[in-house]
Amino acid sequence: MRRRRSPQEKKALSYALDCRNDYGGNDKASRLAIPRNKRFPRRANRHHDHQRLAGLTGAPDPAIDEVVEVRLRGRRPKSWRKLPDLPLGRHVERRRHA
């Protein structure tokens, strides 16, 4: 059997393991914002690729193919990453000092 934890131990574990969104906006808004923020860079990358490939109409030409390939790979794709949530202890500490 596991031993019982004291309320102080439970509180310390909660502060260490539980996380909170520290972004500052409404916590429910992330359900819409995260997919939207993922969508915009992907759309910009597709748009960029489509513009570069628009010149490849007609018969295949190895010289043009190589130039377009270099132009496609010459730019780093846009990306977006979600910021990780903060542990509850750090979140409470920040709120106390703010």
Protein backbone atom coordinates (compact mmCIF):
# COMPACT_ATOMS: atom_id res chain seq x y z
CA MET A 1 0.00 0.00 0.00
CA ARG A 2 1.02 3.55 -0.59
CA ARG A 3 1.53 5.73 2.39
CA ARG A 4 -0.77 8.64 2.96
CA ARG A 5 0.45 12.08 2.07
CA SER A 6 0.07 15.00 4.38
CA PRO A 7 -1.82 18.07 3.14
CA GLN A 8 1.50 19.93 2.89
CA GLU A 9 2.99 17.21 0.67
CA LYS A 10 -0.13 17.23 -1.49
CA LYS A 11 0.12 21.00 -1.88
CA ALA A 12 3.82 20.81 -2.82
CA LEU A 13 3.10 18.11 -5.41
CA SER A 14 0.23 20.16 -6.80
CA TYR A 15 2.48 23.22 -7.15
CA ALA A 16 5.14 21.16 -8.91
CA LEU A 17 3.00 19.06 -11.25
CA ASP A 18 -0.14 21.09 -12.07
CA CYS A 19 0.21 23.64 -14.88
CA ARG A 20 -1.55 26.89 -15.74
CA ASN A 21 -1.85 28.90 -18.94
CA ASP A 22 0.20 32.05 -18.32
CA TYR A 23 -0.45 33.76 -21.64
CA GLY A 24 -2.85 36.26 -20.13
CA GLY A 25 -5.87 35.87 -22.38
CA ASN A 26 -9.07 34.04 -21.70
CA ASP A 27 -8.25 30.37 -21.13
CA LYS A 28 -11.20 29.25 -23.27
CA ALA A 29 -10.02 31.35 -26.23
CA SER A 30 -7.11 28.99 -26.86
CA ARG A 31 -9.53 26.42 -28.32
CA LEU A 32 -9.95 28.78 -31.28
CA ALA A 33 -6.61 30.59 -31.20
CA ILE A 34 -4.31 27.55 -31.36
CA PRO A 35 -5.82 26.09 -34.56
CA ARG A 36 -5.94 29.58 -36.10
CA ASN A 37 -2.29 30.27 -35.27
CA LYS A 38 -1.31 26.92 -36.79
CA ARG A 39 -3.36 27.67 -39.89
CA PHE A 40 -1.80 31.02 -40.89
CA PRO A 41 1.85 29.94 -41.33
CA ARG A 42 0.81 26.78 -43.19
CA ARG A 43 -1.32 28.84 -45.54
CA ALA A 44 1.55 31.29 -46.12
CA ASN A 45 3.89 28.38 -46.93
CA ARG A 46 1.40 26.88 -49.40
CA HIS A 47 0.92 30.30 -51.00
CA HIS A 48 4.67 30.77 -51.37
CA ASP A 49 5.13 27.32 -52.91
CA HIS A 50 2.23 27.84 -55.29
CA GLN A 51 3.71 31.14 -56.52
CA ARG A 52 7.10 29.53 -57.15
CA LEU A 53 5.58 26.55 -58.97
CA ALA A 54 3.34 28.71 -61.18
CA GLY A 55 6.19 29.16 -63.67
CA LEU A 56 6.47 25.42 -64.32
CA THR A 57 3.81 25.09 -66.98
CA GLY A 58 4.49 23.37 -70.27
CA ALA A 59 7.13 20.83 -71.23
CA PRO A 60 9.63 19.74 -68.52
CA ASP A 61 12.94 21.62 -68.63
CA PRO A 62 15.69 20.42 -66.25
CA ALA A 63 17.31 23.86 -66.03
CA ILE A 64 14.13 25.61 -64.97
CA ASP A 65 13.23 22.75 -62.63
CA GLU A 66 16.52 23.17 -60.79
CA VAL A 67 16.11 26.95 -60.46
CA VAL A 68 12.61 26.59 -59.06
CA GLU A 69 13.76 23.85 -56.67
CA VAL A 70 16.49 26.15 -55.31
CA ARG A 71 14.00 29.01 -54.91
CA LEU A 72 11.52 26.76 -53.10
CA ARG A 73 14.14 25.51 -50.65
CA GLY A 74 15.91 28.87 -50.30
CA ARG A 75 13.46 30.23 -47.77
CA ARG A 76 12.88 28.80 -44.32
CA PRO A 77 9.20 27.85 -43.91
CA LYS A 78 7.14 29.87 -41.47
CA SER A 79 6.11 28.09 -38.30
CA TRP A 80 4.29 28.63 -35.02
CA ARG A 81 4.65 26.92 -31.66
CA LYS A 82 2.47 27.04 -28.59
CA LEU A 83 4.17 28.30 -25.46
CA PRO A 84 4.17 25.63 -22.76
CA ASP A 85 2.09 26.13 -19.65
CA LEU A 86 3.83 27.10 -16.41
CA PRO A 87 3.92 24.95 -13.29
CA LEU A 88 1.36 26.16 -10.78
CA GLY A 89 4.02 27.18 -8.26
CA ARG A 90 5.74 29.55 -10.70
CA HIS A 91 2.38 30.89 -11.87
CA VAL A 92 1.29 31.73 -8.29
CA GLU A 93 4.68 33.29 -7.57
CA ARG A 94 4.43 35.53 -10.65
CA ARG A 95 0.89 36.58 -9.72
CA ARG A 96 1.97 37.49 -6.17
CA HIS A 97 4.80 39.74 -7.42
CA ALA A 98 2.76 41.41 -10.16
